[in-house]
Structure formats: C-alpha cells, structure tokens
Amino acid sequence: MKVLIFYRHFPVAMGRYYQWGLEEAGHEVYSVGPYSHGRIPWGVQFFYPDYKYPPDLELPDVPMYPIKDVLEKAKFKPDLIIQAADTYSLIGKAPVPNILIGTDPHVVDYRPMLTNVDYYFSCQKCYQYGLPNEGWLPYGYVGGLHRYLPDETINYQVVFSGLQYEYRKDFLRAMTDKGYRVYNSLGDIYEDYVKIYNQGLLAFNWSSQNDLPARFWEGMAMKRCMLTNRVPDLKEFDFVEGVDYLGFSTLGEAVEKADYYLKYPKYLLKIASNGWWKVRKHNYKNRVIAMIKELKEKKII
C-alpha cells in the first residue's frame, strides 16, 4: 500500500515511529510535514545534528495546511493518508481515505480536527471520544532500537528520562536521599536513551495525565523492571502487576516498592524478564498491521 504520512519532523516524533512501523510492514511510505533540522521543541538546548531525518516533502511550519496543496506538491498518489502530527493537521477533503492518529489525547482535544477525517485512532483508550469512526492504537516500542544490551554495566539503580514534573522529581529525590544511584534527565534520545536505560535496574514512570506512555513499552522492551503509576489503560493488557511490572498510586507507595525490590534484585530482574517476554509483540510494526486490519474491517480502505 502507498501511504502518505504527515507529522512534524523533529527527533523522536511519534509520527516517525509509525512511519518506521509502516515501512517494516512492507508499505511504501512518503513523509511530509514541517522540518526542525534536528531540534526538539522543548527548548533551544535540544539540538541533535545526528538525528535530523528530513521528510520527503518539507511543508511550512504552520498548524494547518491544505491536503490539496500537499498532494499537488508531492507528486505521489497515496492509497491512504495518515496524520500523526500532534497539534498540527492537514485540512480539506482528501481523494483517498484520510485517518488521524491522536498521539497526545491526554493533552490535546482532537475533535476540532476530525471534520474531513474518515477514521480516528486514539493512542489512549481512556481518552477516546465515543465517536462512531474511532479506534484505539496504543503506543509501543521500536523494534531494533528499544532493546536489551546485555553487555552494558549497571551504573544506576533507578533511571528516568523525561519531562521534569515536580511529582517525578519528588520520587527521584527521595530515592537519592536513600542512597541509591539515580539517573534523571531530559533529552536522551535514540541510542543514547537506550544505552542509559540499559545501565539501570529500575525504569521509573509517573504519567502526567493518567496516560500510558511510550516510556512504559520502551522500558520493558529494554528488559528493565518498570515501576509505573496505575492508569486505566493498564487494565486493557495481559500484564500482571507484581509479575510483569511494578505499580503504585502514591509517592509513598512508589518509594516503598522501589526500596524493597532494589534490596532483592533477583526478584526485580525476574519481573524485568517477565515483562520483556510479554512486551515483544507490542512493537510499532504490529501496531500498524493491526491498524490497517481494522481499517479494512471497517471498510475505510
């Protein structure tokens, strides 16, 4: 299938993960969208010249852009258009099926973007809108990237890379105060991200808005024991708390769980191994295969 995918082309954009999944599944993919030239829009310091990944067609950096103009410039005749551009969107009626993936439904209301969309996928089931043309497409991990590196030396008991919300920092400070070696940062991406996570025993996550983030899947794929807050979407999978991952609801519970299992690393490593085996099917190749299957069953394509 020939697929045109639209997203903002900065490093670690979620749209790129879906693009790679589509390509791995054997589809011909043509990418379009604004291009950041290696910058991530979290601040001026996040510049990655080694991870630029330009689109096939660069578009102006504007929140809305006409589909008609894109197709005229692209000289590419897709069978399917996929939009995965967070707050940006293509507007107008498309001559082929046009779907929207809500990559950030916990912080973005996608309903205003659905006027000319044929189907909508939410990456968080608990943030679906209850619309008739709507599916669920959870995050996953990138096969070949988010992986276990057995030769890495364990340098940290706890690792976290992500936005620095206060409740996250409170946990990481508490673990540091207990004498554990903690790695906390914002800005590790791709191989650097994988390397640092493989140097830790416990991968920490505390979701901002009840969402189940990509960090959860990636940590398990790297064979780390995931310590995550309990969110609604966790119940939708066959992962078992205490067997495949560790869960918590409060700061006190998170610190208590981490402290206990770090004192008994054989249990922690067993949980990491269990999660690693179960998460293997949850890569983006399989996500897009399921997405295409659903679109065919719904007669969208």
C-alpha atoms as a PDB file:
ATOM      1  CA  MET A   1       0.000   0.000   0.000  1.00  0.00           C
ATOM      2  CA  LYS A   2       1.175   3.545  -0.762  1.00  0.00           C
ATOM      3  CA  VAL A   3       0.880   5.686   2.356  1.00  0.00           C
ATOM      4  CA  LEU A   4       1.417   9.415   2.756  1.00  0.00           C
ATOM      5  CA  ILE A   5       2.159  10.269   6.388  1.00  0.00           C
ATOM      6  CA  PHE A   6       2.059  13.777   7.845  1.00  0.00           C
ATOM      7  CA  TYR A   7       3.771  14.783  11.079  1.00  0.00           C
ATOM      8  CA  ARG A   8       6.181  17.355  12.492  1.00  0.00           C
ATOM      9  CA  HIS A   9       9.679  16.128  11.652  1.00  0.00           C
ATOM     10  CA  PHE A  10      11.692  16.654  14.799  1.00  0.00           C
ATOM     11  CA  PRO A  11      13.721  13.926  16.576  1.00  0.00           C
ATOM     12  CA  VAL A  12      11.640  11.293  18.408  1.00  0.00           C
ATOM     13  CA  ALA A  13       8.375  12.466  16.832  1.00  0.00           C
ATOM     14  CA  MET A  14       5.723   9.790  17.321  1.00  0.00           C
ATOM     15  CA  GLY A  15       4.834  10.004  13.633  1.00  0.00           C
ATOM     16  CA  ARG A  16       8.304   8.727  12.767  1.00  0.00           C
ATOM     17  CA  TYR A  17       7.711   5.618  14.846  1.00  0.00           C
ATOM     18  CA  TYR A  18       4.546   4.894  12.883  1.00  0.00           C
ATOM     19  CA  GLN A  19       6.413   5.592   9.641  1.00  0.00           C
ATOM     20  CA  TRP A  20       9.092   3.071  10.567  1.00  0.00           C
ATOM     21  CA  GLY A  21       6.400   0.556  11.532  1.00  0.00           C
ATOM     22  CA  LEU A  22       4.665   1.008   8.174  1.00  0.00           C
ATOM     23  CA  GLU A  23       7.934   0.568   6.284  1.00  0.00           C
ATOM     24  CA  GLU A  24       8.818  -2.508   8.312  1.00  0.00           C
ATOM     25  CA  ALA A  25       5.395  -3.934   7.462  1.00  0.00           C
ATOM     26  CA  GLY A  26       6.177  -3.545   3.748  1.00  0.00           C
ATOM     27  CA  HIS A  27       4.275  -0.378   2.802  1.00  0.00           C
ATOM     28  CA  GLU A  28       5.633   2.340   0.520  1.00  0.00           C
ATOM     29  CA  VAL A  29       5.716   5.479   2.659  1.00  0.00           C
ATOM     30  CA  TYR A  30       6.050   9.114   1.629  1.00  0.00           C
ATOM     31  CA  SER A  31       6.541  11.550   4.509  1.00  0.00           C
ATOM     32  CA  VAL A  32       5.521  15.210   4.616  1.00  0.00           C
ATOM     33  CA  GLY A  33       5.476  17.933   7.247  1.00  0.00           C
ATOM     34  CA  PRO A  34       7.413  20.779   8.850  1.00  0.00           C
ATOM     35  CA  TYR A  35      11.085  20.033   9.449  1.00  0.00           C
ATOM     36  CA  SER A  36      13.008  21.150  12.558  1.00  0.00           C
ATOM     37  CA  HIS A  37      16.518  20.346  11.256  1.00  0.00           C
ATOM     38  CA  GLY A  38      17.324  18.297  14.360  1.00  0.00           C
ATOM     39  CA  ARG A  39      15.704  20.483  17.026  1.00  0.00           C
ATOM     40  CA  ILE A  40      13.096  19.297  19.515  1.00  0.00           C
ATOM     41  CA  PRO A  41      10.519  21.929  20.551  1.00  0.00           C
ATOM     42  CA  TRP A  42      11.195  21.540  24.295  1.00  0.00           C
ATOM     43  CA  GLY A  43      13.746  24.371  24.409  1.00  0.00           C
ATOM     44  CA  VAL A  44      16.692  25.764  22.486  1.00  0.00           C
ATOM     45  CA  GLN A  45      19.170  23.340  24.081  1.00  0.00           C
ATOM     46  CA  PHE A  46      17.673  20.249  22.456  1.00  0.00           C
ATOM     47  CA  PHE A  47      19.510  20.080  19.145  1.00  0.00           C
ATOM     48  CA  TYR A  48      20.566  16.746  17.643  1.00  0.00           C
ATOM     49  CA  PRO A  49      22.519  17.154  14.400  1.00  0.00           C
ATOM     50  CA  ASP A  50      22.930  13.374  14.084  1.00  0.00           C
ATOM     51  CA  TYR A  51      19.177  12.752  14.177  1.00  0.00           C
ATOM     52  CA  LYS A  52      17.698  15.078  11.572  1.00  0.00           C
ATOM     53  CA  TYR A  53      15.573  12.682   9.441  1.00  0.00           C
ATOM     54  CA  PRO A  54      14.120  15.146   6.903  1.00  0.00           C
ATOM     55  CA  PRO A  55      10.723  14.450   5.310  1.00  0.00           C
ATOM     56  CA  ASP A  56      10.347  13.592   1.641  1.00  0.00           C
ATOM     57  CA  LEU A  57       8.456  16.876   1.293  1.00  0.00           C
ATOM     58  CA  GLU A  58       9.048  19.751   3.703  1.00  0.00           C
ATOM     59  CA  LEU A  59       5.993  21.894   4.466  1.00  0.00           C
ATOM     60  CA  PRO A  60       5.750  25.322   6.102  1.00  0.00           C
ATOM     61  CA  ASP A  61       5.700  25.282   9.904  1.00  0.00           C
ATOM     62  CA  VAL A  62       2.022  26.204  10.242  1.00  0.00           C
ATOM     63  CA  PRO A  63      -0.654  24.431  12.341  1.00  0.00           C
ATOM     64  CA  MET A  64      -2.974  23.810   9.379  1.00  0.00           C
ATOM     65  CA  TYR A  65      -2.110  23.051   5.769  1.00  0.00           C
ATOM     66  CA  PRO A  66      -4.401  22.097   2.841  1.00  0.00           C
ATOM     67  CA  ILE A  67      -4.335  18.456   1.760  1.00  0.00           C
ATOM     68  CA  LYS A  68      -4.921  19.537  -1.823  1.00  0.00           C
ATOM     69  CA  ASP A  69      -1.690  21.567  -1.868  1.00  0.00           C
ATOM     70  CA  VAL A  70       0.269  18.695  -0.305  1.00  0.00           C
ATOM     71  CA  LEU A  71      -0.839  16.223  -2.968  1.00  0.00           C
ATOM     72  CA  GLU A  72      -0.040  18.676  -5.758  1.00  0.00           C
ATOM     73  CA  LYS A  73       3.470  19.261  -4.427  1.00  0.00           C
ATOM     74  CA  ALA A  74       4.189  15.639  -3.518  1.00  0.00           C
ATOM     75  CA  LYS A  75       3.685  14.102  -6.961  1.00  0.00           C
ATOM     76  CA  PHE A  76       2.827  10.963  -5.011  1.00  0.00           C
ATOM     77  CA  LYS A  77      -0.529   9.215  -5.321  1.00  0.00           C
ATOM     78  CA  PRO A  78      -1.270   7.529  -1.992  1.00  0.00           C
ATOM     79  CA  ASP A  79      -3.833   4.874  -1.222  1.00  0.00           C
ATOM     80  CA  LEU A  80      -4.039   6.171   2.348  1.00  0.00           C
ATOM     81  CA  ILE A  81      -3.219   9.383   4.209  1.00  0.00           C
ATOM     82  CA  ILE A  82      -2.183   9.181   7.861  1.00  0.00           C
ATOM     83  CA  GLN A  83      -1.906  12.251  10.069  1.00  0.00           C
ATOM     84  CA  ALA A  84       0.128  11.890  13.273  1.00  0.00           C
ATOM     85  CA  ALA A  85       1.165  15.490  13.888  1.00  0.00           C
ATOM     86  CA  ASP A  86       0.015  16.229  17.462  1.00  0.00           C
ATOM     87  CA  THR A  87      -1.487  19.772  17.279  1.00  0.00           C
ATOM     88  CA  TYR A  88      -0.877  20.205  13.524  1.00  0.00           C
ATOM     89  CA  SER A  89      -3.267  18.941  10.839  1.00  0.00           C
ATOM     90  CA  LEU A  90      -3.977  18.738   7.141  1.00  0.00           C
ATOM     91  CA  ILE A  91      -7.286  20.357   6.223  1.00  0.00           C
ATOM     92  CA  GLY A  92      -9.762  19.769   3.436  1.00  0.00           C
ATOM     93  CA  LYS A  93     -11.333  16.724   1.826  1.00  0.00           C
ATOM     94  CA  ALA A  94      -8.908  14.068   0.631  1.00  0.00           C
ATOM     95  CA  PRO A  95      -9.432  11.968  -2.521  1.00  0.00           C
ATOM     96  CA  VAL A  96      -8.366   8.840  -0.587  1.00  0.00           C
ATOM     97  CA  PRO A  97      -9.052   7.593   2.956  1.00  0.00           C
ATOM     98  CA  ASN A  98      -7.647  10.068   5.474  1.00  0.00           C
ATOM     99  CA  ILE A  99      -7.106   8.970   9.066  1.00  0.00           C
ATOM    100  CA  LEU A 100      -5.917  10.821  12.134  1.00  0.00           C
ATOM    101  CA  ILE A 101      -3.859   9.303  14.958  1.00  0.00           C
ATOM    102  CA  GLY A 102      -4.317  11.171  18.238  1.00  0.00           C
ATOM    103  CA  THR A 103      -0.769  10.840  19.540  1.00  0.00           C
ATOM    104  CA  ASP A 104      -1.340  13.110  22.572  1.00  0.00           C
ATOM    105  CA  PRO A 105      -5.021  12.698  23.541  1.00  0.00           C
ATOM    106  CA  HIS A 106      -4.272  13.273  27.235  1.00  0.00           C
ATOM    107  CA  VAL A 107      -3.334  16.896  26.456  1.00  0.00           C
ATOM    108  CA  VAL A 108      -4.886  17.641  23.029  1.00  0.00           C
ATOM    109  CA  ASP A 109      -8.592  17.674  22.092  1.00  0.00           C
ATOM    110  CA  TYR A 110      -8.598  16.258  18.562  1.00  0.00           C
ATOM    111  CA  ARG A 111     -12.306  16.694  17.873  1.00  0.00           C
ATOM    112  CA  PRO A 112     -11.878  20.025  16.020  1.00  0.00           C
ATOM    113  CA  MET A 113      -9.512  18.252  13.589  1.00  0.00           C
ATOM    114  CA  LEU A 114     -11.962  15.493  12.633  1.00  0.00           C
ATOM    115  CA  THR A 115     -14.108  17.408  10.108  1.00  0.00           C
ATOM    116  CA  ASN A 116     -12.676  15.761   6.980  1.00  0.00           C
ATOM    117  CA  VAL A 117     -11.138  12.691   8.606  1.00  0.00           C
ATOM    118  CA  ASP A 118     -12.513   9.236   7.733  1.00  0.00           C
ATOM    119  CA  TYR A 119     -11.323   7.482  10.884  1.00  0.00           C
ATOM    120  CA  TYR A 120      -9.684   8.448  14.159  1.00  0.00           C
ATOM    121  CA  PHE A 121      -7.346   6.385  16.323  1.00  0.00           C
ATOM    122  CA  SER A 122      -6.635   7.391  19.924  1.00  0.00           C
ATOM    123  CA  CYS A 123      -3.351   6.303  21.475  1.00  0.00           C
ATOM    124  CA  GLN A 124      -5.052   6.222  24.887  1.00  0.00           C
ATOM    125  CA  LYS A 125      -8.239   4.198  25.314  1.00  0.00           C
ATOM    126  CA  CYS A 126      -9.272   6.207  28.369  1.00  0.00           C
ATOM    127  CA  TYR A 127      -9.219   9.356  26.199  1.00  0.00           C
ATOM    128  CA  GLN A 128     -11.469   8.148  23.405  1.00  0.00           C
ATOM    129  CA  TYR A 129     -14.352  10.424  22.500  1.00  0.00           C
ATOM    130  CA  GLY A 130     -17.008   7.766  21.891  1.00  0.00           C
ATOM    131  CA  LEU A 131     -17.266   8.592  18.179  1.00  0.00           C
ATOM    132  CA  PRO A 132     -18.607   6.063  15.626  1.00  0.00           C
ATOM    133  CA  ASN A 133     -15.464   6.160  13.449  1.00  0.00           C
ATOM    134  CA  GLU A 134     -12.914   5.678  16.173  1.00  0.00           C
ATOM    135  CA  GLY A 135     -10.324   3.070  17.127  1.00  0.00           C
ATOM    136  CA  TRP A 136      -7.614   2.506  19.699  1.00  0.00           C
ATOM    137  CA  LEU A 137      -3.932   2.433  18.739  1.00  0.00           C
ATOM    138  CA  PRO A 138      -1.723   2.214  21.832  1.00  0.00           C
ATOM    139  CA  TYR A 139       1.900   3.250  21.821  1.00  0.00           C
ATOM    140  CA  GLY A 140       4.583   0.582  21.571  1.00  0.00           C
ATOM    141  CA  TYR A 141       8.319   0.313  21.058  1.00  0.00           C
ATOM    142  CA  VAL A 142      10.581   0.439  18.009  1.00  0.00           C
ATOM    143  CA  GLY A 143      11.912  -2.994  17.136  1.00  0.00           C
ATOM    144  CA  GLY A 144      15.691  -2.932  16.704  1.00  0.00           C
ATOM    145  CA  LEU A 145      16.017   0.310  18.662  1.00  0.00           C
ATOM    146  CA  HIS A 146      14.483  -0.234  22.097  1.00  0.00           C
ATOM    147  CA  ARG A 147      16.338  -3.398  23.002  1.00  0.00           C
ATOM    148  CA  TYR A 148      18.239  -5.161  25.768  1.00  0.00           C
ATOM    149  CA  LEU A 149      22.019  -4.605  25.786  1.00  0.00           C
ATOM    150  CA  PRO A 150      23.417  -7.382  27.992  1.00  0.00           C
ATOM    151  CA  ASP A 151      26.989  -6.071  27.856  1.00  0.00           C
ATOM    152  CA  GLU A 152      26.138  -2.711  29.451  1.00  0.00           C
ATOM    153  CA  THR A 153      27.363  -2.212  33.031  1.00  0.00           C
ATOM    154  CA  ILE A 154      24.741  -1.406  35.663  1.00  0.00           C
ATOM    155  CA  ASN A 155      25.634   2.080  36.914  1.00  0.00           C
ATOM    156  CA  TYR A 156      22.291   3.165  38.385  1.00  0.00           C
ATOM    157  CA  GLN A 157      19.558   1.652  40.473  1.00  0.00           C
ATOM    158  CA  VAL A 158      16.883   3.992  39.073  1.00  0.00           C
ATOM    159  CA  VAL A 159      16.702   5.621  35.635  1.00  0.00           C
ATOM    160  CA  PHE A 160      14.323   8.212  34.237  1.00  0.00           C
ATOM    161  CA  SER A 161      14.483  10.439  31.160  1.00  0.00           C
ATOM    162  CA  GLY A 162      11.548  12.746  30.573  1.00  0.00           C
ATOM    163  CA  LEU A 163       9.819  15.997  31.407  1.00  0.00           C
ATOM    164  CA  GLN A 164      10.651  17.233  34.884  1.00  0.00           C
ATOM    165  CA  TYR A 165       7.295  17.399  36.658  1.00  0.00           C
ATOM    166  CA  GLU A 166       7.500  18.024  40.400  1.00  0.00           C
ATOM    167  CA  TYR A 167       5.980  14.694  41.445  1.00  0.00           C
ATOM    168  CA  ARG A 168       8.562  12.874  39.318  1.00  0.00           C
ATOM    169  CA  LYS A 169      11.384  14.882  40.860  1.00  0.00           C
ATOM    170  CA  ASP A 170       9.987  14.214  44.353  1.00  0.00           C
ATOM    171  CA  PHE A 171      10.312  10.452  43.814  1.00  0.00           C
ATOM    172  CA  LEU A 172      13.779  10.675  42.315  1.00  0.00           C
ATOM    173  CA  ARG A 173      14.974  12.939  45.138  1.00  0.00           C
ATOM    174  CA  ALA A 174      13.564  10.505  47.696  1.00  0.00           C
ATOM    175  CA  MET A 175      15.467   7.636  46.096  1.00  0.00           C
ATOM    176  CA  THR A 176      18.665   9.695  46.019  1.00  0.00           C
ATOM    177  CA  ASP A 177      18.204  10.546  49.698  1.00  0.00           C
ATOM    178  CA  LYS A 178      18.019   6.825  50.435  1.00  0.00           C
ATOM    179  CA  GLY A 179      21.467   6.398  48.948  1.00  0.00           C
ATOM    180  CA  TYR A 180      20.526   4.917  45.578  1.00  0.00           C
ATOM    181  CA  ARG A 181      22.279   5.921  42.376  1.00  0.00           C
ATOM    182  CA  VAL A 182      19.663   7.740  40.318  1.00  0.00           C
ATOM    183  CA  TYR A 183      19.866   8.929  36.713  1.00  0.00           C
ATOM    184  CA  ASN A 184      17.413  11.718  35.893  1.00  0.00           C
ATOM    185  CA  SER A 185      17.479  13.771  32.706  1.00  0.00           C
ATOM    186  CA  LEU A 186      15.522  15.293  29.854  1.00  0.00           C
ATOM    187  CA  GLY A 187      16.830  14.959  26.332  1.00  0.00           C
ATOM    188  CA  ASP A 188      18.306  11.473  25.947  1.00  0.00           C
ATOM    189  CA  ILE A 189      17.126  10.081  22.626  1.00  0.00           C
ATOM    190  CA  TYR A 190      17.577   7.038  20.418  1.00  0.00           C
ATOM    191  CA  GLU A 191      20.823   5.122  21.074  1.00  0.00           C
ATOM    192  CA  ASP A 192      21.833   7.399  23.966  1.00  0.00           C
ATOM    193  CA  TYR A 193      18.441   6.762  25.586  1.00  0.00           C
ATOM    194  CA  VAL A 194      18.736   3.004  25.086  1.00  0.00           C
ATOM    195  CA  LYS A 195      22.277   2.909  26.442  1.00  0.00           C
ATOM    196  CA  ILE A 196      21.466   4.806  29.635  1.00  0.00           C
ATOM    197  CA  TYR A 197      18.347   2.749  30.359  1.00  0.00           C
ATOM    198  CA  ASN A 198      20.339  -0.441  29.965  1.00  0.00           C
ATOM    199  CA  GLN A 199      22.668   0.874  32.688  1.00  0.00           C
ATOM    200  CA  GLY A 200      19.816   0.992  35.217  1.00  0.00           C
ATOM    201  CA  LEU A 201      17.894  -1.663  37.146  1.00  0.00           C
ATOM    202  CA  LEU A 202      14.562   0.063  37.703  1.00  0.00           C
ATOM    203  CA  ALA A 203      12.908   2.168  34.985  1.00  0.00           C
ATOM    204  CA  PHE A 204      10.625   4.786  36.511  1.00  0.00           C
ATOM    205  CA  ASN A 205       7.460   6.287  35.053  1.00  0.00           C
ATOM    206  CA  TRP A 206       4.833   8.589  36.538  1.00  0.00           C
ATOM    207  CA  SER A 207       2.325   9.603  33.862  1.00  0.00           C
ATOM    208  CA  SER A 208       1.217  13.207  33.710  1.00  0.00           C
ATOM    209  CA  GLN A 209      -2.496  12.786  32.891  1.00  0.00           C
ATOM    210  CA  ASN A 210      -3.494   9.152  33.511  1.00  0.00           C
ATOM    211  CA  ASP A 211      -1.916   8.148  30.198  1.00  0.00           C
ATOM    212  CA  LEU A 212       0.123   5.023  29.478  1.00  0.00           C
ATOM    213  CA  PRO A 213       3.150   6.488  27.655  1.00  0.00           C
ATOM    214  CA  ALA A 214       5.627   5.087  25.171  1.00  0.00           C
ATOM    215  CA  ARG A 215       8.168   5.018  28.009  1.00  0.00           C
ATOM    216  CA  PHE A 216       6.290   2.075  29.548  1.00  0.00           C
ATOM    217  CA  TRP A 217       6.659  -0.113  26.440  1.00  0.00           C
ATOM    218  CA  GLU A 218      10.196   1.004  25.720  1.00  0.00           C
ATOM    219  CA  GLY A 219      11.396   0.258  29.240  1.00  0.00           C
ATOM    220  CA  MET A 220      10.002  -3.262  29.120  1.00  0.00           C
ATOM    221  CA  ALA A 221      11.483  -3.838  25.645  1.00  0.00           C
ATOM    222  CA  MET A 222      14.893  -2.908  27.084  1.00  0.00           C
ATOM    223  CA  LYS A 223      14.369  -5.564  29.782  1.00  0.00           C
ATOM    224  CA  ARG A 224      14.108  -3.056  32.605  1.00  0.00           C
ATOM    225  CA  CYS A 225      11.773  -3.566  35.548  1.00  0.00           C
ATOM    226  CA  MET A 226       9.074  -0.915  35.043  1.00  0.00           C
ATOM    227  CA  LEU A 227       7.807   0.983  38.068  1.00  0.00           C
ATOM    228  CA  THR A 228       4.755   2.917  36.885  1.00  0.00           C
ATOM    229  CA  ASN A 229       1.722   4.604  38.337  1.00  0.00           C
ATOM    230  CA  ARG A 230      -1.574   2.756  37.869  1.00  0.00           C
ATOM    231  CA  VAL A 231      -3.528   4.151  34.926  1.00  0.00           C
ATOM    232  CA  PRO A 232      -6.762   2.925  33.274  1.00  0.00           C
ATOM    233  CA  ASP A 233      -5.179   1.542  30.095  1.00  0.00           C
ATOM    234  CA  LEU A 234      -3.004  -0.893  32.057  1.00  0.00           C
ATOM    235  CA  LYS A 235      -6.137  -2.980  32.656  1.00  0.00           C
ATOM    236  CA  GLU A 236      -6.565  -3.473  28.901  1.00  0.00           C
ATOM    237  CA  PHE A 237      -3.489  -5.700  28.589  1.00  0.00           C
ATOM    238  CA  ASP A 238      -2.415  -9.068  29.942  1.00  0.00           C
ATOM    239  CA  PHE A 239       0.429  -7.592  32.010  1.00  0.00           C
ATOM    240  CA  VAL A 240       0.158  -8.595  35.665  1.00  0.00           C
ATOM    241  CA  GLU A 241       1.229  -6.174  38.381  1.00  0.00           C
ATOM    242  CA  GLY A 242       3.943  -7.631  40.582  1.00  0.00           C
ATOM    243  CA  VAL A 243       4.749 -10.222  37.916  1.00  0.00           C
ATOM    244  CA  ASP A 244       5.482  -8.209  34.762  1.00  0.00           C
ATOM    245  CA  TYR A 245       5.819  -4.695  36.207  1.00  0.00           C
ATOM    246  CA  LEU A 246       5.508  -2.805  39.489  1.00  0.00           C
ATOM    247  CA  GLY A 247       2.634  -0.408  40.144  1.00  0.00           C
ATOM    248  CA  PHE A 248       1.953   2.426  42.568  1.00  0.00           C
ATOM    249  CA  SER A 249      -0.627   5.110  43.254  1.00  0.00           C
ATOM    250  CA  THR A 250       1.165   7.475  45.635  1.00  0.00           C
ATOM    251  CA  LEU A 251       4.658   8.829  46.189  1.00  0.00           C
ATOM    252  CA  GLY A 252       4.980   6.836  49.384  1.00  0.00           C
ATOM    253  CA  GLU A 253       3.996   3.593  47.686  1.00  0.00           C
ATOM    254  CA  ALA A 254       6.414   4.249  44.808  1.00  0.00           C
ATOM    255  CA  VAL A 255       9.341   4.802  47.173  1.00  0.00           C
ATOM    256  CA  GLU A 256       8.403   1.780  49.270  1.00  0.00           C
ATOM    257  CA  LYS A 257       8.158  -0.513  46.223  1.00  0.00           C
ATOM    258  CA  ALA A 258      11.421   0.699  44.726  1.00  0.00           C
ATOM    259  CA  ASP A 259      13.251   0.432  48.047  1.00  0.00           C
ATOM    260  CA  TYR A 260      12.019  -3.116  48.646  1.00  0.00           C
ATOM    261  CA  TYR A 261      12.783  -4.559  45.220  1.00  0.00           C
ATOM    262  CA  LEU A 262      16.176  -2.885  44.934  1.00  0.00           C
ATOM    263  CA  LYS A 263      17.132  -4.721  48.112  1.00  0.00           C
ATOM    264  CA  TYR A 264      16.105  -8.008  46.421  1.00  0.00           C
ATOM    265  CA  PRO A 265      17.456  -7.631  42.883  1.00  0.00           C
ATOM    266  CA  LYS A 266      16.764 -11.259  41.919  1.00  0.00           C
ATOM    267  CA  TYR A 267      13.007 -10.544  42.166  1.00  0.00           C
ATOM    268  CA  LEU A 268      13.424  -7.284  40.287  1.00  0.00           C
ATOM    269  CA  LEU A 269      15.325  -8.998  37.468  1.00  0.00           C
ATOM    270  CA  LYS A 270      12.678 -11.721  37.267  1.00  0.00           C
ATOM    271  CA  ILE A 271       9.941  -9.113  36.834  1.00  0.00           C
ATOM    272  CA  ALA A 272      12.025  -7.390  34.162  1.00  0.00           C
ATOM    273  CA  SER A 273      12.428 -10.691  32.314  1.00  0.00           C
ATOM    274  CA  ASN A 274       8.709 -11.477  32.527  1.00  0.00           C
ATOM    275  CA  GLY A 275       7.779  -8.073  31.109  1.00  0.00           C
ATOM    276  CA  TRP A 276      10.386  -8.381  28.369  1.00  0.00           C
ATOM    277  CA  TRP A 277       8.897 -11.647  27.115  1.00  0.00           C
ATOM    278  CA  LYS A 278       5.343 -10.314  27.158  1.00  0.00           C
ATOM    279  CA  VAL A 279       6.065  -6.963  25.517  1.00  0.00           C
ATOM    280  CA  ARG A 280       7.707  -8.378  22.418  1.00  0.00           C
ATOM    281  CA  LYS A 281       4.516  -8.342  20.324  1.00  0.00           C
ATOM    282  CA  HIS A 282       3.840  -4.677  21.143  1.00  0.00           C
ATOM    283  CA  ASN A 283       6.135  -3.089  18.540  1.00  0.00           C
ATOM    284  CA  TYR A 284       5.081  -0.460  16.002  1.00  0.00           C
ATOM    285  CA  LYS A 285       5.177  -2.898  13.106  1.00  0.00           C
ATOM    286  CA  ASN A 286       2.449  -4.939  14.794  1.00  0.00           C
ATOM    287  CA  ARG A 287       0.607  -1.763  15.793  1.00  0.00           C
ATOM    288  CA  VAL A 288       0.299  -0.608  12.184  1.00  0.00           C
ATOM    289  CA  ILE A 289      -0.594  -4.125  10.979  1.00  0.00           C
ATOM    290  CA  ALA A 290      -3.489  -4.067  13.465  1.00  0.00           C
ATOM    291  CA  MET A 291      -4.399  -0.535  12.361  1.00  0.00           C
ATOM    292  CA  ILE A 292      -4.562  -1.499   8.672  1.00  0.00           C
ATOM    293  CA  LYS A 293      -6.581  -4.611   9.541  1.00  0.00           C
ATOM    294  CA  GLU A 294      -9.126  -2.524  11.449  1.00  0.00           C
ATOM    295  CA  LEU A 295      -9.422  -0.035   8.591  1.00  0.00           C
ATOM    296  CA  LYS A 296     -10.132  -2.903   6.191  1.00  0.00           C
ATOM    297  CA  GLU A 297     -12.687  -4.465   8.527  1.00  0.00           C
ATOM    298  CA  LYS A 298     -14.435  -1.095   8.854  1.00  0.00           C
ATOM    299  CA  LYS A 299     -14.293  -0.749   5.041  1.00  0.00           C
ATOM    300  CA  ILE A 300     -12.379   2.514   5.352  1.00  0.00           C
ATOM    301  CA  ILE A 301      -9.791   1.188   2.907  1.00  0.00           C
END
